[in-house]
C-alpha atoms as a PDB file:
ATOM      1  CA  MET A   1     179.432  34.995  83.046  1.00  0.00           C
ATOM      2  CA  SER A   2     181.611  34.767  79.954  1.00  0.00           C
ATOM      3  CA  ARG A   3     184.382  37.264  79.316  1.00  0.00           C
ATOM      4  CA  ARG A   4     182.643  38.295  76.108  1.00  0.00           C
ATOM      5  CA  ARG A   5     179.401  39.104  77.952  1.00  0.00           C
ATOM      6  CA  LYS A   6     181.317  41.130  80.540  1.00  0.00           C
ATOM      7  CA  LEU A   7     182.972  43.154  77.793  1.00  0.00           C
ATOM      8  CA  GLU A   8     179.567  43.773  76.227  1.00  0.00           C
ATOM      9  CA  LYS A   9     178.256  45.092  79.545  1.00  0.00           C
ATOM     10  CA  PHE A  10     181.283  47.358  79.985  1.00  0.00           C
ATOM     11  CA  ALA A  11     180.584  48.766  76.513  1.00  0.00           C
ATOM     12  CA  ASP A  12     176.907  49.257  77.410  1.00  0.00           C
ATOM     13  CA  ILE A  13     177.840  51.197  80.528  1.00  0.00           C
ATOM     14  CA  LEU A  14     179.556  53.836  78.411  1.00  0.00           C
ATOM     15  CA  SER A  15     176.191  54.575  76.811  1.00  0.00           C
ATOM     16  CA  PHE A  16     174.238  54.732  80.092  1.00  0.00           C
ATOM     17  CA  PRO A  17     173.383  58.311  81.180  1.00  0.00           C
ATOM     18  CA  ASN A  18     173.339  57.307  84.868  1.00  0.00           C
ATOM     19  CA  VAL A  19     176.836  55.746  85.166  1.00  0.00           C
ATOM     20  CA  PHE A  20     180.138  57.535  85.801  1.00  0.00           C
ATOM     21  CA  GLU A  21     183.572  55.901  85.828  1.00  0.00           C
ATOM     22  CA  ILE A  22     187.092  56.714  86.959  1.00  0.00           C
ATOM     23  CA  THR A  23     189.461  58.045  84.292  1.00  0.00           C
ATOM     24  CA  GLU A  24     192.725  57.819  86.242  1.00  0.00           C
ATOM     25  CA  ILE A  25     193.680  57.297  89.868  1.00  0.00           C
ATOM     26  CA  GLY A  26     193.691  60.537  91.860  1.00  0.00           C
ATOM     27  CA  SER A  27     191.905  62.588  89.211  1.00  0.00           C
ATOM     28  CA  PRO A  28     188.424  63.999  89.985  1.00  0.00           C
ATOM     29  CA  ILE A  29     187.570  63.765  86.275  1.00  0.00           C
ATOM     30  CA  LEU A  30     184.994  61.061  85.526  1.00  0.00           C
ATOM     31  CA  ARG A  31     184.002  59.405  82.266  1.00  0.00           C
ATOM     32  CA  ALA A  32     180.320  60.130  81.662  1.00  0.00           C
ATOM     33  CA  SER A  33     180.203  58.470  78.248  1.00  0.00           C
ATOM     34  CA  ALA A  34     182.509  57.236  75.527  1.00  0.00           C
ATOM     35  CA  PHE A  35     182.895  60.827  74.368  1.00  0.00           C
ATOM     36  CA  GLU A  36     182.504  62.998  77.479  1.00  0.00           C
ATOM     37  CA  ASN A  37     184.444  63.545  80.707  1.00  0.00           C
ATOM     38  CA  VAL A  38     183.070  65.554  83.639  1.00  0.00           C
ATOM     39  CA  GLU A  39     184.112  66.822  87.060  1.00  0.00           C
ATOM     40  CA  LEU A  40     181.267  66.453  89.563  1.00  0.00           C
ATOM     41  CA  LYS A  41     182.879  67.005  92.975  1.00  0.00           C
ATOM     42  CA  GLY A  42     180.545  69.347  94.851  1.00  0.00           C
ATOM     43  CA  LYS A  43     178.107  69.385  91.925  1.00  0.00           C
ATOM     44  CA  TRP A  44     176.332  66.029  91.981  1.00  0.00           C
ATOM     45  CA  ALA A  45     172.891  67.353  92.936  1.00  0.00           C
ATOM     46  CA  SER A  46     172.880  70.211  90.457  1.00  0.00           C
ATOM     47  CA  LYS A  47     174.733  68.655  87.517  1.00  0.00           C
ATOM     48  CA  VAL A  48     173.534  65.036  87.634  1.00  0.00           C
ATOM     49  CA  PHE A  49     170.093  65.261  89.243  1.00  0.00           C
ATOM     50  CA  ASP A  50     169.202  68.881  88.388  1.00  0.00           C
ATOM     51  CA  ASN A  51     167.942  69.594  91.899  1.00  0.00           C
ATOM     52  CA  ASN A  52     169.122  70.450  95.392  1.00  0.00           C
ATOM     53  CA  ASN A  53     167.846  67.314  97.123  1.00  0.00           C
ATOM     54  CA  PRO A  54     169.820  65.323  99.737  1.00  0.00           C
ATOM     55  CA  ILE A  55     172.297  62.711  98.488  1.00  0.00           C
ATOM     56  CA  CYS A  56     172.594  59.189  99.866  1.00  0.00           C
ATOM     57  CA  LEU A  57     175.350  56.768  98.860  1.00  0.00           C
ATOM     58  CA  GLU A  58     175.204  52.983  98.766  1.00  0.00           C
ATOM     59  CA  LEU A  59     178.784  51.740  99.078  1.00  0.00           C
ATOM     60  CA  ALA A  60     179.711  48.256  97.862  1.00  0.00           C
ATOM     61  CA  CYS A  61     176.368  48.474  96.071  1.00  0.00           C
ATOM     62  CA  GLY A  62     176.761  45.367  93.910  1.00  0.00           C
ATOM     63  CA  ARG A  63     173.582  45.098  91.847  1.00  0.00           C
ATOM     64  CA  GLY A  64     172.240  48.237  93.510  1.00  0.00           C
ATOM     65  CA  GLU A  65     169.304  46.666  95.343  1.00  0.00           C
ATOM     66  CA  TYR A  66     169.366  49.248  98.130  1.00  0.00           C
ATOM     67  CA  THR A  67     169.966  52.112  95.715  1.00  0.00           C
ATOM     68  CA  LEU A  68     166.932  51.183  93.638  1.00  0.00           C
ATOM     69  CA  ALA A  69     164.610  50.313  96.510  1.00  0.00           C
ATOM     70  CA  LEU A  70     165.404  53.469  98.470  1.00  0.00           C
ATOM     71  CA  ALA A  71     165.082  55.611  95.343  1.00  0.00           C
ATOM     72  CA  LYS A  72     161.552  54.320  94.801  1.00  0.00           C
ATOM     73  CA  LYS A  73     160.680  54.891  98.451  1.00  0.00           C
ATOM     74  CA  TYR A  74     162.209  58.375  98.687  1.00  0.00           C
ATOM     75  CA  PRO A  75     161.744  60.171  95.337  1.00  0.00           C
ATOM     76  CA  ASN A  76     162.934  63.481  96.807  1.00  0.00           C
ATOM     77  CA  THR A  77     166.362  62.099  97.693  1.00  0.00           C
ATOM     78  CA  ASN A  78     169.182  61.426  95.217  1.00  0.00           C
ATOM     79  CA  PHE A  79     170.857  58.011  95.416  1.00  0.00           C
ATOM     80  CA  ILE A  80     174.285  56.995  94.106  1.00  0.00           C
ATOM     81  CA  GLY A  81     175.463  53.383  94.101  1.00  0.00           C
ATOM     82  CA  VAL A  82     179.240  52.983  94.344  1.00  0.00           C
ATOM     83  CA  ASP A  83     181.129  49.839  93.352  1.00  0.00           C
ATOM     84  CA  ILE A  84     184.125  48.801  91.251  1.00  0.00           C
ATOM     85  CA  LYS A  85     182.431  45.824  89.588  1.00  0.00           C
ATOM     86  CA  GLY A  86     181.169  46.984  86.207  1.00  0.00           C
ATOM     87  CA  ALA A  87     179.044  43.916  85.448  1.00  0.00           C
ATOM     88  CA  ARG A  88     177.166  44.387  88.730  1.00  0.00           C
ATOM     89  CA  ILE A  89     176.665  48.108  88.205  1.00  0.00           C
ATOM     90  CA  TRP A  90     175.301  47.313  84.738  1.00  0.00           C
ATOM     91  CA  GLN A  91     172.436  45.435  86.363  1.00  0.00           C
ATOM     92  CA  GLY A  92     171.462  48.259  88.706  1.00  0.00           C
ATOM     93  CA  ALA A  93     171.913  51.001  86.137  1.00  0.00           C
ATOM     94  CA  SER A  94     169.909  49.208  83.447  1.00  0.00           C
ATOM     95  CA  LYS A  95     167.059  48.575  85.915  1.00  0.00           C
ATOM     96  CA  ALA A  96     167.074  52.244  86.964  1.00  0.00           C
ATOM     97  CA  ILE A  97     166.768  53.292  83.331  1.00  0.00           C
ATOM     98  CA  HIS A  98     164.009  50.749  82.656  1.00  0.00           C
ATOM     99  CA  GLN A  99     162.103  51.870  85.767  1.00  0.00           C
ATOM    100  CA  GLN A 100     162.628  55.558  84.884  1.00  0.00           C
ATOM    101  CA  LEU A 101     164.240  56.387  88.218  1.00  0.00           C
ATOM    102  CA  SER A 102     165.623  59.868  87.659  1.00  0.00           C
ATOM    103  CA  ASN A 103     166.996  60.081  91.226  1.00  0.00           C
ATOM    104  CA  VAL A 104     169.512  57.240  90.707  1.00  0.00           C
ATOM    105  CA  ALA A 105     173.125  57.252  89.490  1.00  0.00           C
ATOM    106  CA  PHE A 106     176.053  54.847  89.755  1.00  0.00           C
ATOM    107  CA  LEU A 107     179.740  55.555  90.278  1.00  0.00           C
ATOM    108  CA  ARG A 108     182.319  52.945  89.298  1.00  0.00           C
ATOM    109  CA  ILE A 109     185.356  53.555  91.515  1.00  0.00           C
ATOM    110  CA  ARG A 110     187.138  51.968  94.463  1.00  0.00           C
ATOM    111  CA  ILE A 111     185.546  53.145  97.694  1.00  0.00           C
ATOM    112  CA  GLU A 112     188.888  54.239  99.134  1.00  0.00           C
ATOM    113  CA  GLN A 113     188.893  56.986  96.471  1.00  0.00           C
ATOM    114  CA  ILE A 114     185.521  58.354  97.574  1.00  0.00           C
ATOM    115  CA  ASP A 115     186.838  61.701  98.808  1.00  0.00           C
ATOM    116  CA  VAL A 116     188.291  62.448  95.359  1.00  0.00           C
ATOM    117  CA  TYR A 117     184.804  62.583  93.849  1.00  0.00           C
ATOM    118  CA  PHE A 118     182.667  64.132  96.602  1.00  0.00           C
ATOM    119  CA  ASP A 119     183.176  67.468  98.302  1.00  0.00           C
ATOM    120  CA  LYS A 120     183.277  68.215 102.014  1.00  0.00           C
ATOM    121  CA  ASN A 121     179.805  67.782 103.588  1.00  0.00           C
ATOM    122  CA  GLU A 122     178.254  66.917 100.206  1.00  0.00           C
ATOM    123  CA  ILE A 123     176.663  63.640 101.355  1.00  0.00           C
ATOM    124  CA  ASP A 124     173.711  63.317 103.729  1.00  0.00           C
ATOM    125  CA  ASP A 125     173.692  59.591 104.479  1.00  0.00           C
ATOM    126  CA  ILE A 126     175.505  56.364 103.574  1.00  0.00           C
ATOM    127  CA  TRP A 127     174.506  52.700 103.385  1.00  0.00           C
ATOM    128  CA  ILE A 128     177.237  50.056 103.378  1.00  0.00           C
ATOM    129  CA  THR A 129     175.604  46.798 102.333  1.00  0.00           C
ATOM    130  CA  PHE A 130     177.394  43.477 102.807  1.00  0.00           C
ATOM    131  CA  PRO A 131     180.902  44.625 101.928  1.00  0.00           C
ATOM    132  CA  ASP A 132     183.841  42.280 101.547  1.00  0.00           C
ATOM    133  CA  PRO A 133     185.115  41.768 105.133  1.00  0.00           C
ATOM    134  CA  PHE A 134     188.736  41.493 103.912  1.00  0.00           C
ATOM    135  CA  GLU A 135     189.712  39.109 106.690  1.00  0.00           C
ATOM    136  CA  ALA A 136     193.441  39.372 105.941  1.00  0.00           C
ATOM    137  CA  LYS A 137     193.532  43.058 104.921  1.00  0.00           C
ATOM    138  CA  GLU A 138     192.297  45.250 107.760  1.00  0.00           C
ATOM    139  CA  ASN A 139     193.164  48.506 105.987  1.00  0.00           C
ATOM    140  CA  ARG A 140     190.767  47.625 103.139  1.00  0.00           C
ATOM    141  CA  ARG A 141     187.745  47.136 105.369  1.00  0.00           C
ATOM    142  CA  THR A 142     185.062  49.747 104.772  1.00  0.00           C
ATOM    143  CA  THR A 143     184.988  50.611 108.479  1.00  0.00           C
ATOM    144  CA  SER A 144     188.736  50.872 109.030  1.00  0.00           C
ATOM    145  CA  PRO A 145     190.088  54.219 110.316  1.00  0.00           C
ATOM    146  CA  LEU A 146     191.218  55.066 106.772  1.00  0.00           C
ATOM    147  CA  PHE A 147     187.676  54.763 105.424  1.00  0.00           C
ATOM    148  CA  LEU A 148     186.052  56.435 108.421  1.00  0.00           C
ATOM    149  CA  ASP A 149     188.296  59.448 107.919  1.00  0.00           C
ATOM    150  CA  LYS A 150     187.086  59.692 104.319  1.00  0.00           C
ATOM    151  CA  TYR A 151     183.428  59.443 105.349  1.00  0.00           C
ATOM    152  CA  TYR A 152     184.048  62.189 107.878  1.00  0.00           C
ATOM    153  CA  GLN A 153     185.173  64.463 105.055  1.00  0.00           C
ATOM    154  CA  ILE A 154     182.205  63.944 102.723  1.00  0.00           C
ATOM    155  CA  VAL A 155     179.279  63.429 105.131  1.00  0.00           C
ATOM    156  CA  LYS A 156     177.395  66.374 106.608  1.00  0.00           C
ATOM    157  CA  PRO A 157     177.387  66.903 110.392  1.00  0.00           C
ATOM    158  CA  LEU A 158     174.925  64.465 112.007  1.00  0.00           C
ATOM    159  CA  GLY A 159     174.806  62.503 108.734  1.00  0.00           C
ATOM    160  CA  LYS A 160     174.062  58.813 109.322  1.00  0.00           C
ATOM    161  CA  ILE A 161     176.045  55.769 108.161  1.00  0.00           C
ATOM    162  CA  ASN A 162     174.267  52.408 108.039  1.00  0.00           C
ATOM    163  CA  LEU A 163     176.133  49.095 107.906  1.00  0.00           C
ATOM    164  CA  LYS A 164     174.550  45.695 107.203  1.00  0.00           C
ATOM    165  CA  THR A 165     176.685  42.560 107.300  1.00  0.00           C
ATOM    166  CA  ASP A 166     176.453  38.845 107.961  1.00  0.00           C
ATOM    167  CA  ASP A 167     180.101  38.590 109.026  1.00  0.00           C
ATOM    168  CA  THR A 168     180.501  38.488 112.823  1.00  0.00           C
ATOM    169  CA  PRO A 169     184.241  39.343 113.049  1.00  0.00           C
ATOM    170  CA  PHE A 170     183.761  42.231 110.614  1.00  0.00           C
ATOM    171  CA  TYR A 171     180.750  43.496 112.566  1.00  0.00           C
ATOM    172  CA  GLU A 172     182.646  43.365 115.865  1.00  0.00           C
ATOM    173  CA  TYR A 173     185.622  45.077 114.247  1.00  0.00           C
ATOM    174  CA  SER A 174     183.326  47.806 112.892  1.00  0.00           C
ATOM    175  CA  VAL A 175     181.732  48.482 116.276  1.00  0.00           C
ATOM    176  CA  GLU A 176     185.162  48.837 117.872  1.00  0.00           C
ATOM    177  CA  SER A 177     186.536  50.950 115.030  1.00  0.00           C
ATOM    178  CA  VAL A 178     183.652  53.431 115.220  1.00  0.00           C
ATOM    179  CA  ASN A 179     183.719  53.454 119.027  1.00  0.00           C
ATOM    180  CA  VAL A 180     187.323  54.652 119.134  1.00  0.00           C
ATOM    181  CA  HIS A 181     186.963  57.192 116.314  1.00  0.00           C
ATOM    182  CA  GLU A 182     186.682  60.670 117.759  1.00  0.00           C
ATOM    183  CA  ASN A 183     184.369  62.013 115.037  1.00  0.00           C
ATOM    184  CA  PHE A 184     181.520  59.479 115.118  1.00  0.00           C
ATOM    185  CA  ASP A 185     178.851  58.360 117.588  1.00  0.00           C
ATOM    186  CA  ILE A 186     177.161  54.953 117.558  1.00  0.00           C
ATOM    187  CA  LEU A 187     173.387  55.388 117.560  1.00  0.00           C
ATOM    188  CA  TYR A 188     172.282  51.757 117.390  1.00  0.00           C
ATOM    189  CA  GLN A 189     173.761  48.288 117.056  1.00  0.00           C
ATOM    190  CA  ASN A 190     172.201  44.833 116.758  1.00  0.00           C
ATOM    191  CA  ASP A 191     173.835  41.494 115.978  1.00  0.00           C
ATOM    192  CA  ASN A 192     170.548  39.879 114.847  1.00  0.00           C
ATOM    193  CA  ILE A 193     168.174  42.404 113.316  1.00  0.00           C
ATOM    194  CA  TYR A 194     165.464  39.877 112.434  1.00  0.00           C
ATOM    195  CA  GLY A 195     165.328  38.525 115.975  1.00  0.00           C
ATOM    196  CA  GLN A 196     163.000  41.377 116.965  1.00  0.00           C
ATOM    197  CA  THR A 197     161.025  44.267 115.494  1.00  0.00           C
ATOM    198  CA  LEU A 198     163.162  46.065 112.960  1.00  0.00           C
ATOM    199  CA  TYR A 199     164.732  49.277 114.224  1.00  0.00           C
ATOM    200  CA  ASN A 200     164.315  50.887 110.799  1.00  0.00           C
ATOM    201  CA  PRO A 201     161.800  49.754 108.129  1.00  0.00           C
ATOM    202  CA  ASP A 202     164.465  50.354 105.468  1.00  0.00           C
ATOM    203  CA  LEU A 203     166.215  47.275 106.853  1.00  0.00           C
ATOM    204  CA  GLU A 204     163.495  45.176 105.204  1.00  0.00           C
ATOM    205  CA  ILE A 205     165.245  45.686 101.854  1.00  0.00           C
ATOM    206  CA  LYS A 206     167.230  42.555 101.051  1.00  0.00           C
ATOM    207  CA  THR A 207     170.169  42.378  98.664  1.00  0.00           C
ATOM    208  CA  TYR A 208     171.099  39.381  96.539  1.00  0.00           C
ATOM    209  CA  TYR A 209     173.809  38.479  99.030  1.00  0.00           C
ATOM    210  CA  GLU A 210     171.575  38.921 102.073  1.00  0.00           C
ATOM    211  CA  ILE A 211     169.053  36.474 100.648  1.00  0.00           C
ATOM    212  CA  GLN A 212     171.862  33.960 100.206  1.00  0.00           C
ATOM    213  CA  HIS A 213     173.123  34.540 103.754  1.00  0.00           C
ATOM    214  CA  LEU A 214     169.650  34.073 105.225  1.00  0.00           C
ATOM    215  CA  SER A 215     169.173  30.844 103.284  1.00  0.00           C
ATOM    216  CA  ASN A 216     172.369  29.631 104.962  1.00  0.00           C
ATOM    217  CA  ASN A 217     170.915  30.486 108.399  1.00  0.00           C
ATOM    218  CA  LYS A 218     173.280  33.372 108.995  1.00  0.00           C
ATOM    219  CA  THR A 219     172.204  36.261 111.227  1.00  0.00           C
ATOM    220  CA  ILE A 220     172.248  39.788 109.843  1.00  0.00           C
ATOM    221  CA  LYS A 221     173.977  42.495 111.865  1.00  0.00           C
ATOM    222  CA  TYR A 222     173.325  46.238 111.726  1.00  0.00           C
ATOM    223  CA  LEU A 223     175.345  49.200 112.934  1.00  0.00           C
ATOM    224  CA  LEU A 224     174.136  52.793 112.742  1.00  0.00           C
ATOM    225  CA  PHE A 225     176.471  55.665 113.508  1.00  0.00           C
ATOM    226  CA  SER A 226     176.596  59.368 112.776  1.00  0.00           C
ATOM    227  CA  LYS A 227     179.126  62.126 112.243  1.00  0.00           C
ATOM    228  CA  LYS A 228     179.387  64.406 115.240  1.00  0.00           C
ATOM    229  CA  ALA A 229     178.028  67.931 114.873  1.00  0.00           C
END
């Protein structure tokens, strides 16, 4: 994609009613449009979705395939896709608008800042879909102790966190990281989800990257864990 096209998409995002962006690091204030800033911590359901329905996050959402598919399947749940890549969010947000999905929003931030924008126990469930494994940067992995501590803050007791990945070292790291964390319990783990009947029908949803991985004969791993009560 050309730099010019990327800049055009970034400009489009400022006009989208379903996209919110960081204003400055550490500040809970988000840019809702070119002319409006908002603070939504603890208020996402009421202020963005105008309801009191559960909230599910898709972290490292990319084009938002899981966000969109789950939103269609569960109209009484609010879904927020989180990613830092504006051009990718543009794709998901524009599709949500075109498909008139009122239970979808997108948040353009780094995931390590997640606790700045969501209140304690505000989130019901999380999907982490094919994140960067950061082979040389353990502290940036989305299942490192740093990130797990942040999920613990924002997820409700017994809230579930779903991880899908094709990367074996990252999967094994994630299992170990969750196992030793005192505030989470592993509910299910599988290093080849398509080798048997799917544990959860929501696993049938395939992202752009998953389709690529499968075409390269990679196996898809799944880890489900929950916050302790």
